[in-house]
Amino acid sequence: MNFFLILNSFFGLLLSFILIMVFVAFFILSERKILSYIQIRKGPNKVGFIGLLQSFADLIKLVVKIKVNNFQYWSFLALLGTYLIVILSLFYCLLYYYYFNNTNSMLSLLWFLIITSLTGYSLLMIGWGSYNKYSLFGSIRSSFSSVTFEACLMCLILIYGLFFNSYCLDEGNSNNISLFISLFTLYFLWLISILCETNRTPFDYAESESDLVSGFNVEFCNVYFTCVFACEYLIIFIISWFSSVIFFSGIFWWLSLLFHIFYFLWARATLPRVRYDFFVNFMWRISVCYLTLYLLLSI
């Protein structure tokens, strides 16, 4: 019996991973198209019908890229960070599968917190293991952003546990009272925080104007770059789904999921990068302090 349960979970995880990766391919295409329309130019429109196969063509091009051997451009630590972020993406997909399969654990929110806390280590390992100081600087900034998001996420999960008296993801949809209505101000702080976790504009500190490089993955190519790049977008989708599960229920869940996905695209197209000291002051002096104060008052 346990064997069939493990086999069922494995195929469910594999199916969830494939479906999310297909979504990631079209999400990247949608991002490029929306950015082009906002900037009054044409986006990808050559490969396939109106450019629908552009992401798959980019994937093939990245995979067949030539890698120069016998050249010191990354270490085993960087490869270990790549494998770690892929494994964390699989764990994200497993939580996603368990949620829609109605097999959630009573501590599923805490599992989500643990998986999210390991993302900063993978980014730090990728940048630190690359023989490039700009990769190291970008990974340190990205890791600090992830730690900041984890502080906000921890406070929010504690508030969620006090509100619903449970750490199960199903509790929000099984109650008529939505967390969004009750904790309206926390939702806007959460929208800011999720941009930090996913390294999106205006908090994309993995790269900076003074570095003029891609960020912590500047030394990566072919399959390894594809894994890091795709897993970043997979985490964006999972964070959008998680935000909808936490704050909304019913038909508003689907509308909020579409809004959160578009929110990431809109933020990249319109918002300028915030200065790093302003970001640190806001997240730690305002956001985290406000959440901590609200948590103490709730207790």
C-alpha atoms as a PDB file:
ATOM      1  CA  MET A   1       0.000   0.000   0.000  1.00  0.00           C
ATOM      2  CA  ASN A   2       2.809   2.397   0.882  1.00  0.00           C
ATOM      3  CA  PHE A   3       4.495   1.569  -2.414  1.00  0.00           C
ATOM      4  CA  PHE A   4       1.416   2.622  -4.377  1.00  0.00           C
ATOM      5  CA  LEU A   5       1.149   5.829  -2.350  1.00  0.00           C
ATOM      6  CA  ILE A   6       4.781   6.666  -3.090  1.00  0.00           C
ATOM      7  CA  LEU A   7       4.271   5.814  -6.771  1.00  0.00           C
ATOM      8  CA  ASN A   8       1.147   7.981  -6.899  1.00  0.00           C
ATOM      9  CA  SER A   9       3.001  10.889  -5.290  1.00  0.00           C
ATOM     10  CA  PHE A  10       5.894  10.478  -7.720  1.00  0.00           C
ATOM     11  CA  PHE A  11       3.679  10.598 -10.804  1.00  0.00           C
ATOM     12  CA  GLY A  12       1.697  13.468  -9.324  1.00  0.00           C
ATOM     13  CA  LEU A  13       4.929  15.370  -8.691  1.00  0.00           C
ATOM     14  CA  LEU A  14       6.144  14.646 -12.226  1.00  0.00           C
ATOM     15  CA  LEU A  15       2.839  15.767 -13.755  1.00  0.00           C
ATOM     16  CA  SER A  16       2.773  18.939 -11.654  1.00  0.00           C
ATOM     17  CA  PHE A  17       6.353  19.745 -12.621  1.00  0.00           C
ATOM     18  CA  ILE A  18       5.636  19.266 -16.351  1.00  0.00           C
ATOM     19  CA  LEU A  19       2.464  21.371 -16.241  1.00  0.00           C
ATOM     20  CA  ILE A  20       4.159  24.183 -14.334  1.00  0.00           C
ATOM     21  CA  MET A  21       7.143  24.137 -16.708  1.00  0.00           C
ATOM     22  CA  VAL A  22       4.796  24.426 -19.696  1.00  0.00           C
ATOM     23  CA  PHE A  23       3.184  27.374 -17.942  1.00  0.00           C
ATOM     24  CA  VAL A  24       6.661  28.848 -17.324  1.00  0.00           C
ATOM     25  CA  ALA A  25       7.427  28.667 -21.055  1.00  0.00           C
ATOM     26  CA  PHE A  26       4.289  30.628 -21.935  1.00  0.00           C
ATOM     27  CA  PHE A  27       4.766  32.940 -18.951  1.00  0.00           C
ATOM     28  CA  ILE A  28       8.191  33.959 -20.284  1.00  0.00           C
ATOM     29  CA  LEU A  29       6.659  34.503 -23.721  1.00  0.00           C
ATOM     30  CA  SER A  30       3.821  36.564 -22.218  1.00  0.00           C
ATOM     31  CA  GLU A  31       6.329  38.634 -20.293  1.00  0.00           C
ATOM     32  CA  ARG A  32       8.306  39.430 -23.435  1.00  0.00           C
ATOM     33  CA  LYS A  33       5.137  40.270 -25.374  1.00  0.00           C
ATOM     34  CA  ILE A  34       3.670  42.507 -22.662  1.00  0.00           C
ATOM     35  CA  LEU A  35       6.981  44.297 -22.146  1.00  0.00           C
ATOM     36  CA  SER A  36       7.216  44.932 -25.884  1.00  0.00           C
ATOM     37  CA  TYR A  37       3.678  46.343 -26.036  1.00  0.00           C
ATOM     38  CA  ILE A  38       4.328  48.611 -23.065  1.00  0.00           C
ATOM     39  CA  GLN A  39       7.558  49.823 -24.705  1.00  0.00           C
ATOM     40  CA  ILE A  40       5.741  50.307 -28.063  1.00  0.00           C
ATOM     41  CA  ARG A  41       7.687  47.700 -30.016  1.00  0.00           C
ATOM     42  CA  LYS A  42       7.165  44.211 -31.393  1.00  0.00           C
ATOM     43  CA  GLY A  43       7.910  41.220 -29.268  1.00  0.00           C
ATOM     44  CA  PRO A  44       8.662  37.646 -30.394  1.00  0.00           C
ATOM     45  CA  ASN A  45       6.504  36.965 -33.456  1.00  0.00           C
ATOM     46  CA  LYS A  46       8.575  34.828 -35.838  1.00  0.00           C
ATOM     47  CA  VAL A  47       8.803  31.302 -34.392  1.00  0.00           C
ATOM     48  CA  GLY A  48       5.472  29.532 -34.738  1.00  0.00           C
ATOM     49  CA  PHE A  49       2.069  31.166 -34.963  1.00  0.00           C
ATOM     50  CA  ILE A  50       2.411  34.760 -33.603  1.00  0.00           C
ATOM     51  CA  GLY A  51       5.579  33.603 -31.824  1.00  0.00           C
ATOM     52  CA  LEU A  52       4.002  30.943 -29.580  1.00  0.00           C
ATOM     53  CA  LEU A  53       6.957  28.582 -30.020  1.00  0.00           C
ATOM     54  CA  GLN A  54       9.613  31.193 -29.226  1.00  0.00           C
ATOM     55  CA  SER A  55      10.228  29.913 -25.677  1.00  0.00           C
ATOM     56  CA  PHE A  56      10.755  26.351 -26.905  1.00  0.00           C
ATOM     57  CA  ALA A  57      13.178  27.584 -29.578  1.00  0.00           C
ATOM     58  CA  ASP A  58      15.111  29.499 -26.898  1.00  0.00           C
ATOM     59  CA  LEU A  59      15.211  26.345 -24.788  1.00  0.00           C
ATOM     60  CA  ILE A  60      16.727  24.323 -27.622  1.00  0.00           C
ATOM     61  CA  LYS A  61      19.279  27.051 -28.293  1.00  0.00           C
ATOM     62  CA  LEU A  62      20.307  27.199 -24.643  1.00  0.00           C
ATOM     63  CA  VAL A  63      20.626  23.432 -24.307  1.00  0.00           C
ATOM     64  CA  VAL A  64      22.884  23.030 -27.368  1.00  0.00           C
ATOM     65  CA  LYS A  65      25.184  25.885 -26.381  1.00  0.00           C
ATOM     66  CA  ILE A  66      28.857  24.884 -26.481  1.00  0.00           C
ATOM     67  CA  LYS A  67      30.544  24.622 -23.106  1.00  0.00           C
ATOM     68  CA  VAL A  68      34.291  25.303 -22.971  1.00  0.00           C
ATOM     69  CA  ASN A  69      35.955  22.513 -20.995  1.00  0.00           C
ATOM     70  CA  ASN A  70      39.200  22.764 -19.016  1.00  0.00           C
ATOM     71  CA  PHE A  71      38.346  26.338 -18.072  1.00  0.00           C
ATOM     72  CA  GLN A  72      37.791  27.482 -14.499  1.00  0.00           C
ATOM     73  CA  TYR A  73      34.463  29.307 -14.585  1.00  0.00           C
ATOM     74  CA  TRP A  74      32.564  27.590 -11.759  1.00  0.00           C
ATOM     75  CA  SER A  75      33.227  25.121  -8.967  1.00  0.00           C
ATOM     76  CA  PHE A  76      31.451  22.141  -7.489  1.00  0.00           C
ATOM     77  CA  LEU A  77      29.786  24.495  -4.994  1.00  0.00           C
ATOM     78  CA  ALA A  78      28.054  26.367  -7.837  1.00  0.00           C
ATOM     79  CA  LEU A  79      26.831  23.103  -9.365  1.00  0.00           C
ATOM     80  CA  LEU A  80      25.585  22.005  -5.951  1.00  0.00           C
ATOM     81  CA  GLY A  81      23.619  25.259  -5.682  1.00  0.00           C
ATOM     82  CA  THR A  82      22.066  24.551  -9.078  1.00  0.00           C
ATOM     83  CA  TYR A  83      21.020  21.065  -8.016  1.00  0.00           C
ATOM     84  CA  LEU A  84      19.640  22.493  -4.772  1.00  0.00           C
ATOM     85  CA  ILE A  85      17.390  25.023  -6.503  1.00  0.00           C
ATOM     86  CA  VAL A  86      16.076  22.273  -8.813  1.00  0.00           C
ATOM     87  CA  ILE A  87      15.312  20.053  -5.799  1.00  0.00           C
ATOM     88  CA  LEU A  88      13.578  22.959  -4.047  1.00  0.00           C
ATOM     89  CA  SER A  89      11.487  23.524  -7.177  1.00  0.00           C
ATOM     90  CA  LEU A  90      10.414  19.881  -7.028  1.00  0.00           C
ATOM     91  CA  PHE A  91       9.394  20.339  -3.391  1.00  0.00           C
ATOM     92  CA  TYR A  92       7.362  23.407  -4.407  1.00  0.00           C
ATOM     93  CA  CYS A  93       5.634  21.287  -7.041  1.00  0.00           C
ATOM     94  CA  LEU A  94       4.980  18.583  -4.445  1.00  0.00           C
ATOM     95  CA  LEU A  95       3.169  21.053  -2.180  1.00  0.00           C
ATOM     96  CA  TYR A  96       1.245  22.274  -5.219  1.00  0.00           C
ATOM     97  CA  TYR A  97       0.217  18.695  -6.046  1.00  0.00           C
ATOM     98  CA  TYR A  98      -0.801  17.896  -2.468  1.00  0.00           C
ATOM     99  CA  TYR A  99      -2.954  21.006  -2.314  1.00  0.00           C
ATOM    100  CA  PHE A 100      -5.011  20.139  -5.402  1.00  0.00           C
ATOM    101  CA  ASN A 101      -5.084  16.465  -4.439  1.00  0.00           C
ATOM    102  CA  ASN A 102      -6.640  17.366  -1.060  1.00  0.00           C
ATOM    103  CA  THR A 103      -3.857  15.610   0.839  1.00  0.00           C
ATOM    104  CA  ASN A 104      -2.464  18.633   2.641  1.00  0.00           C
ATOM    105  CA  SER A 105      -0.609  18.210   5.894  1.00  0.00           C
ATOM    106  CA  MET A 106      -1.609  20.154   8.976  1.00  0.00           C
ATOM    107  CA  LEU A 107       1.868  21.719   8.852  1.00  0.00           C
ATOM    108  CA  SER A 108       1.977  22.465   5.111  1.00  0.00           C
ATOM    109  CA  LEU A 109       2.567  26.184   5.724  1.00  0.00           C
ATOM    110  CA  LEU A 110       5.593  25.387   7.856  1.00  0.00           C
ATOM    111  CA  TRP A 111       6.911  23.091   5.120  1.00  0.00           C
ATOM    112  CA  PHE A 112       6.522  25.986   2.687  1.00  0.00           C
ATOM    113  CA  LEU A 113       8.496  28.202   5.059  1.00  0.00           C
ATOM    114  CA  ILE A 114      11.324  25.639   5.272  1.00  0.00           C
ATOM    115  CA  ILE A 115      11.549  25.259   1.491  1.00  0.00           C
ATOM    116  CA  THR A 116      11.546  29.013   0.995  1.00  0.00           C
ATOM    117  CA  SER A 117      14.297  29.510   3.571  1.00  0.00           C
ATOM    118  CA  LEU A 118      16.631  27.209   1.602  1.00  0.00           C
ATOM    119  CA  THR A 119      16.326  29.270  -1.592  1.00  0.00           C
ATOM    120  CA  GLY A 120      18.749  31.890  -0.297  1.00  0.00           C
ATOM    121  CA  TYR A 121      21.391  29.206   0.270  1.00  0.00           C
ATOM    122  CA  SER A 122      21.126  28.007  -3.320  1.00  0.00           C
ATOM    123  CA  LEU A 123      21.574  31.535  -4.671  1.00  0.00           C
ATOM    124  CA  LEU A 124      24.525  32.123  -2.373  1.00  0.00           C
ATOM    125  CA  MET A 125      26.168  28.845  -3.411  1.00  0.00           C
ATOM    126  CA  ILE A 126      25.743  29.641  -7.105  1.00  0.00           C
ATOM    127  CA  GLY A 127      27.345  33.068  -6.777  1.00  0.00           C
ATOM    128  CA  TRP A 128      30.020  32.034  -4.316  1.00  0.00           C
ATOM    129  CA  GLY A 129      30.996  28.984  -6.360  1.00  0.00           C
ATOM    130  CA  SER A 130      31.421  31.018  -9.541  1.00  0.00           C
ATOM    131  CA  TYR A 131      34.889  32.451 -10.021  1.00  0.00           C
ATOM    132  CA  ASN A 132      33.514  35.936 -10.480  1.00  0.00           C
ATOM    133  CA  LYS A 133      33.275  38.733  -7.918  1.00  0.00           C
ATOM    134  CA  TYR A 134      30.172  40.192  -9.572  1.00  0.00           C
ATOM    135  CA  SER A 135      28.411  36.846  -9.187  1.00  0.00           C
ATOM    136  CA  LEU A 136      29.318  36.867  -5.507  1.00  0.00           C
ATOM    137  CA  PHE A 137      28.026  40.430  -5.004  1.00  0.00           C
ATOM    138  CA  GLY A 138      24.775  39.620  -6.818  1.00  0.00           C
ATOM    139  CA  SER A 139      24.228  36.411  -4.845  1.00  0.00           C
ATOM    140  CA  ILE A 140      24.816  38.192  -1.521  1.00  0.00           C
ATOM    141  CA  ARG A 141      22.268  40.875  -2.382  1.00  0.00           C
ATOM    142  CA  SER A 142      19.738  38.270  -3.585  1.00  0.00           C
ATOM    143  CA  SER A 143      20.253  36.112  -0.504  1.00  0.00           C
ATOM    144  CA  PHE A 144      19.678  39.090   1.771  1.00  0.00           C
ATOM    145  CA  SER A 145      16.449  39.856  -0.094  1.00  0.00           C
ATOM    146  CA  SER A 146      15.335  36.259   0.459  1.00  0.00           C
ATOM    147  CA  VAL A 147      16.099  36.524   4.188  1.00  0.00           C
ATOM    148  CA  THR A 148      14.031  39.719   4.355  1.00  0.00           C
ATOM    149  CA  PHE A 149      11.111  37.984   2.670  1.00  0.00           C
ATOM    150  CA  GLU A 150      11.403  35.042   5.057  1.00  0.00           C
ATOM    151  CA  ALA A 151      11.062  37.397   8.034  1.00  0.00           C
ATOM    152  CA  CYS A 152       7.825  38.805   6.587  1.00  0.00           C
ATOM    153  CA  LEU A 153       6.624  35.330   5.628  1.00  0.00           C
ATOM    154  CA  MET A 154       7.265  33.986   9.116  1.00  0.00           C
ATOM    155  CA  CYS A 155       5.220  36.763  10.708  1.00  0.00           C
ATOM    156  CA  LEU A 156       2.413  36.284   8.193  1.00  0.00           C
ATOM    157  CA  ILE A 157       2.283  32.510   8.736  1.00  0.00           C
ATOM    158  CA  LEU A 158       2.077  33.049  12.501  1.00  0.00           C
ATOM    159  CA  ILE A 159      -0.788  35.516  11.958  1.00  0.00           C
ATOM    160  CA  TYR A 160      -2.449  32.994   9.629  1.00  0.00           C
ATOM    161  CA  GLY A 161      -2.111  30.306  12.308  1.00  0.00           C
ATOM    162  CA  LEU A 162      -3.685  32.569  14.917  1.00  0.00           C
ATOM    163  CA  PHE A 163      -6.476  33.587  12.535  1.00  0.00           C
ATOM    164  CA  PHE A 164      -7.473  30.077  11.406  1.00  0.00           C
ATOM    165  CA  ASN A 165      -6.039  28.113  14.351  1.00  0.00           C
ATOM    166  CA  SER A 166      -4.200  25.884  11.870  1.00  0.00           C
ATOM    167  CA  TYR A 167      -1.196  25.813   9.555  1.00  0.00           C
ATOM    168  CA  CYS A 168      -3.000  23.876   6.821  1.00  0.00           C
ATOM    169  CA  LEU A 169      -3.399  25.530   3.429  1.00  0.00           C
ATOM    170  CA  ASP A 170      -6.984  24.300   3.116  1.00  0.00           C
ATOM    171  CA  GLU A 171      -8.202  26.330   6.068  1.00  0.00           C
ATOM    172  CA  GLY A 172      -8.430  29.583   4.101  1.00  0.00           C
ATOM    173  CA  ASN A 173     -10.732  28.087   1.469  1.00  0.00           C
ATOM    174  CA  SER A 174     -12.861  26.237   3.993  1.00  0.00           C
ATOM    175  CA  ASN A 175     -13.735  29.414   5.910  1.00  0.00           C
ATOM    176  CA  ASN A 176     -16.143  32.062   4.698  1.00  0.00           C
ATOM    177  CA  ILE A 177     -14.129  34.916   6.200  1.00  0.00           C
ATOM    178  CA  SER A 178     -11.212  35.810   3.997  1.00  0.00           C
ATOM    179  CA  LEU A 179      -7.868  36.868   5.384  1.00  0.00           C
ATOM    180  CA  PHE A 180      -7.782  39.627   2.762  1.00  0.00           C
ATOM    181  CA  ILE A 181     -10.825  41.383   4.229  1.00  0.00           C
ATOM    182  CA  SER A 182      -9.669  41.031   7.809  1.00  0.00           C
ATOM    183  CA  LEU A 183      -6.021  41.958   7.238  1.00  0.00           C
ATOM    184  CA  PHE A 184      -6.267  44.399   4.372  1.00  0.00           C
ATOM    185  CA  THR A 185      -3.039  46.302   5.053  1.00  0.00           C
ATOM    186  CA  LEU A 186      -0.957  43.144   5.344  1.00  0.00           C
ATOM    187  CA  TYR A 187      -1.827  42.231   1.782  1.00  0.00           C
ATOM    188  CA  PHE A 188      -0.040  45.271   0.347  1.00  0.00           C
ATOM    189  CA  LEU A 189       3.034  44.565   2.439  1.00  0.00           C
ATOM    190  CA  TRP A 190       2.902  41.016   1.113  1.00  0.00           C
ATOM    191  CA  LEU A 191       2.809  42.263  -2.504  1.00  0.00           C
ATOM    192  CA  ILE A 192       6.017  44.164  -1.866  1.00  0.00           C
ATOM    193  CA  SER A 193       7.636  41.237  -0.105  1.00  0.00           C
ATOM    194  CA  ILE A 194       7.026  38.712  -2.900  1.00  0.00           C
ATOM    195  CA  LEU A 195       9.011  40.906  -5.278  1.00  0.00           C
ATOM    196  CA  CYS A 196      11.961  40.553  -2.889  1.00  0.00           C
ATOM    197  CA  GLU A 197      11.768  36.770  -2.804  1.00  0.00           C
ATOM    198  CA  THR A 198      11.621  36.387  -6.584  1.00  0.00           C
ATOM    199  CA  ASN A 199      14.339  39.007  -7.291  1.00  0.00           C
ATOM    200  CA  ARG A 200      12.004  41.020  -9.485  1.00  0.00           C
ATOM    201  CA  THR A 201      11.929  44.720 -10.276  1.00  0.00           C
ATOM    202  CA  PRO A 202      12.186  47.007  -8.319  1.00  0.00           C
ATOM    203  CA  PHE A 203      14.153  44.668  -6.008  1.00  0.00           C
ATOM    204  CA  ASP A 204      16.232  42.792  -8.593  1.00  0.00           C
ATOM    205  CA  TYR A 205      19.506  43.329  -6.766  1.00  0.00           C
ATOM    206  CA  ALA A 206      21.133  40.266  -8.332  1.00  0.00           C
ATOM    207  CA  GLU A 207      22.368  42.665 -11.000  1.00  0.00           C
ATOM    208  CA  SER A 208      23.141  46.351 -10.766  1.00  0.00           C
ATOM    209  CA  GLU A 209      24.095  49.155 -13.109  1.00  0.00           C
ATOM    210  CA  SER A 210      27.641  49.271 -11.742  1.00  0.00           C
ATOM    211  CA  ASP A 211      28.188  45.565 -12.437  1.00  0.00           C
ATOM    212  CA  LEU A 212      26.686  45.452 -15.948  1.00  0.00           C
ATOM    213  CA  VAL A 213      26.334  41.668 -15.778  1.00  0.00           C
ATOM    214  CA  SER A 214      23.459  39.215 -15.531  1.00  0.00           C
ATOM    215  CA  GLY A 215      23.860  38.658 -11.805  1.00  0.00           C
ATOM    216  CA  PHE A 216      24.796  35.575  -9.812  1.00  0.00           C
ATOM    217  CA  ASN A 217      24.343  33.311 -12.879  1.00  0.00           C
ATOM    218  CA  VAL A 218      26.635  35.261 -15.227  1.00  0.00           C
ATOM    219  CA  GLU A 219      29.125  32.376 -15.492  1.00  0.00           C
ATOM    220  CA  PHE A 220      26.448  29.799 -16.327  1.00  0.00           C
ATOM    221  CA  CYS A 221      25.534  28.486 -19.761  1.00  0.00           C
ATOM    222  CA  ASN A 222      23.580  25.715 -21.537  1.00  0.00           C
ATOM    223  CA  VAL A 223      21.651  23.308 -19.281  1.00  0.00           C
ATOM    224  CA  TYR A 224      22.721  24.821 -15.949  1.00  0.00           C
ATOM    225  CA  PHE A 225      21.651  28.316 -16.942  1.00  0.00           C
ATOM    226  CA  THR A 226      18.347  26.901 -18.197  1.00  0.00           C
ATOM    227  CA  CYS A 227      17.742  25.143 -14.876  1.00  0.00           C
ATOM    228  CA  VAL A 228      18.423  28.281 -12.809  1.00  0.00           C
ATOM    229  CA  PHE A 229      16.415  30.512 -15.151  1.00  0.00           C
ATOM    230  CA  ALA A 230      13.399  28.175 -15.354  1.00  0.00           C
ATOM    231  CA  CYS A 231      13.360  27.500 -11.606  1.00  0.00           C
ATOM    232  CA  GLU A 232      13.247  31.245 -10.900  1.00  0.00           C
ATOM    233  CA  TYR A 233      10.089  31.561 -12.996  1.00  0.00           C
ATOM    234  CA  LEU A 234       8.653  28.410 -11.431  1.00  0.00           C
ATOM    235  CA  ILE A 235       9.075  30.023  -8.013  1.00  0.00           C
ATOM    236  CA  ILE A 236       7.273  33.128  -9.327  1.00  0.00           C
ATOM    237  CA  PHE A 237       4.270  31.003 -10.265  1.00  0.00           C
ATOM    238  CA  ILE A 238       4.308  29.135  -6.941  1.00  0.00           C
ATOM    239  CA  ILE A 239       4.493  32.412  -4.999  1.00  0.00           C
ATOM    240  CA  SER A 240       1.535  33.747  -7.025  1.00  0.00           C
ATOM    241  CA  TRP A 241      -0.442  30.599  -6.266  1.00  0.00           C
ATOM    242  CA  PHE A 242       0.527  30.692  -2.588  1.00  0.00           C
ATOM    243  CA  SER A 243      -0.505  34.351  -2.288  1.00  0.00           C
ATOM    244  CA  SER A 244      -3.927  33.529  -3.722  1.00  0.00           C
ATOM    245  CA  VAL A 245      -4.363  30.578  -1.363  1.00  0.00           C
ATOM    246  CA  ILE A 246      -3.428  32.643   1.685  1.00  0.00           C
ATOM    247  CA  PHE A 247      -5.527  35.756   1.080  1.00  0.00           C
ATOM    248  CA  PHE A 248      -8.493  34.680  -1.057  1.00  0.00           C
ATOM    249  CA  SER A 249     -11.094  31.969  -1.407  1.00  0.00           C
ATOM    250  CA  GLY A 250     -13.833  30.959  -3.830  1.00  0.00           C
ATOM    251  CA  ILE A 251     -14.014  32.625  -7.228  1.00  0.00           C
ATOM    252  CA  PHE A 252     -11.730  35.423  -6.022  1.00  0.00           C
ATOM    253  CA  TRP A 253      -8.957  32.824  -5.831  1.00  0.00           C
ATOM    254  CA  TRP A 254      -8.818  32.492  -9.623  1.00  0.00           C
ATOM    255  CA  LEU A 255      -9.045  36.232 -10.187  1.00  0.00           C
ATOM    256  CA  SER A 256      -6.293  36.911  -7.668  1.00  0.00           C
ATOM    257  CA  LEU A 257      -4.049  34.288  -9.291  1.00  0.00           C
ATOM    258  CA  LEU A 258      -4.322  36.078 -12.636  1.00  0.00           C
ATOM    259  CA  PHE A 259      -3.750  39.407 -10.903  1.00  0.00           C
ATOM    260  CA  HIS A 260      -0.610  38.189  -9.122  1.00  0.00           C
ATOM    261  CA  ILE A 261       0.854  36.828 -12.355  1.00  0.00           C
ATOM    262  CA  PHE A 262       0.165  40.099 -14.152  1.00  0.00           C
ATOM    263  CA  TYR A 263       1.497  42.003 -11.127  1.00  0.00           C
ATOM    264  CA  PHE A 264       4.987  40.573 -11.678  1.00  0.00           C
ATOM    265  CA  LEU A 265       4.897  41.590 -15.348  1.00  0.00           C
ATOM    266  CA  TRP A 266       3.598  45.068 -14.606  1.00  0.00           C
ATOM    267  CA  ALA A 267       6.207  45.672 -11.880  1.00  0.00           C
ATOM    268  CA  ARG A 268       9.073  44.823 -14.236  1.00  0.00           C
ATOM    269  CA  ALA A 269       7.702  47.022 -17.005  1.00  0.00           C
ATOM    270  CA  THR A 270       7.000  50.166 -14.995  1.00  0.00           C
ATOM    271  CA  LEU A 271       8.858  50.365 -11.677  1.00  0.00           C
ATOM    272  CA  PRO A 272      12.460  51.610 -11.393  1.00  0.00           C
ATOM    273  CA  ARG A 273      14.988  49.861  -9.169  1.00  0.00           C
ATOM    274  CA  VAL A 274      14.863  51.102  -5.592  1.00  0.00           C
ATOM    275  CA  ARG A 275      18.067  52.164  -3.896  1.00  0.00           C
ATOM    276  CA  TYR A 276      19.416  49.397  -1.683  1.00  0.00           C
ATOM    277  CA  ASP A 277      19.478  51.407   1.552  1.00  0.00           C
ATOM    278  CA  PHE A 278      15.859  52.519   0.999  1.00  0.00           C
ATOM    279  CA  PHE A 279      14.889  48.887   0.484  1.00  0.00           C
ATOM    280  CA  VAL A 280      16.617  47.764   3.698  1.00  0.00           C
ATOM    281  CA  ASN A 281      15.076  50.568   5.765  1.00  0.00           C
ATOM    282  CA  PHE A 282      11.560  49.914   4.481  1.00  0.00           C
ATOM    283  CA  MET A 283      11.615  46.129   4.802  1.00  0.00           C
ATOM    284  CA  TRP A 284      13.192  45.936   8.266  1.00  0.00           C
ATOM    285  CA  ARG A 285      12.075  49.168   9.934  1.00  0.00           C
ATOM    286  CA  ILE A 286       8.553  49.369   8.527  1.00  0.00           C
ATOM    287  CA  SER A 287       7.391  46.043   7.122  1.00  0.00           C
ATOM    288  CA  VAL A 288       8.886  43.606   9.629  1.00  0.00           C
ATOM    289  CA  CYS A 289       8.260  45.917  12.599  1.00  0.00           C
ATOM    290  CA  TYR A 290       4.625  46.413  11.572  1.00  0.00           C
ATOM    291  CA  LEU A 291       4.066  42.680  11.180  1.00  0.00           C
ATOM    292  CA  THR A 292       5.742  41.979  14.522  1.00  0.00           C
ATOM    293  CA  LEU A 293       3.635  44.623  16.278  1.00  0.00           C
ATOM    294  CA  TYR A 294       0.458  43.246  14.727  1.00  0.00           C
ATOM    295  CA  LEU A 295       1.436  39.736  15.793  1.00  0.00           C
ATOM    296  CA  LEU A 296       2.050  40.853  19.390  1.00  0.00           C
ATOM    297  CA  LEU A 297      -1.297  42.636  19.512  1.00  0.00           C
ATOM    298  CA  SER A 298      -3.022  39.558  18.116  1.00  0.00           C
ATOM    299  CA  ILE A 299      -1.535  37.401  20.850  1.00  0.00           C
END
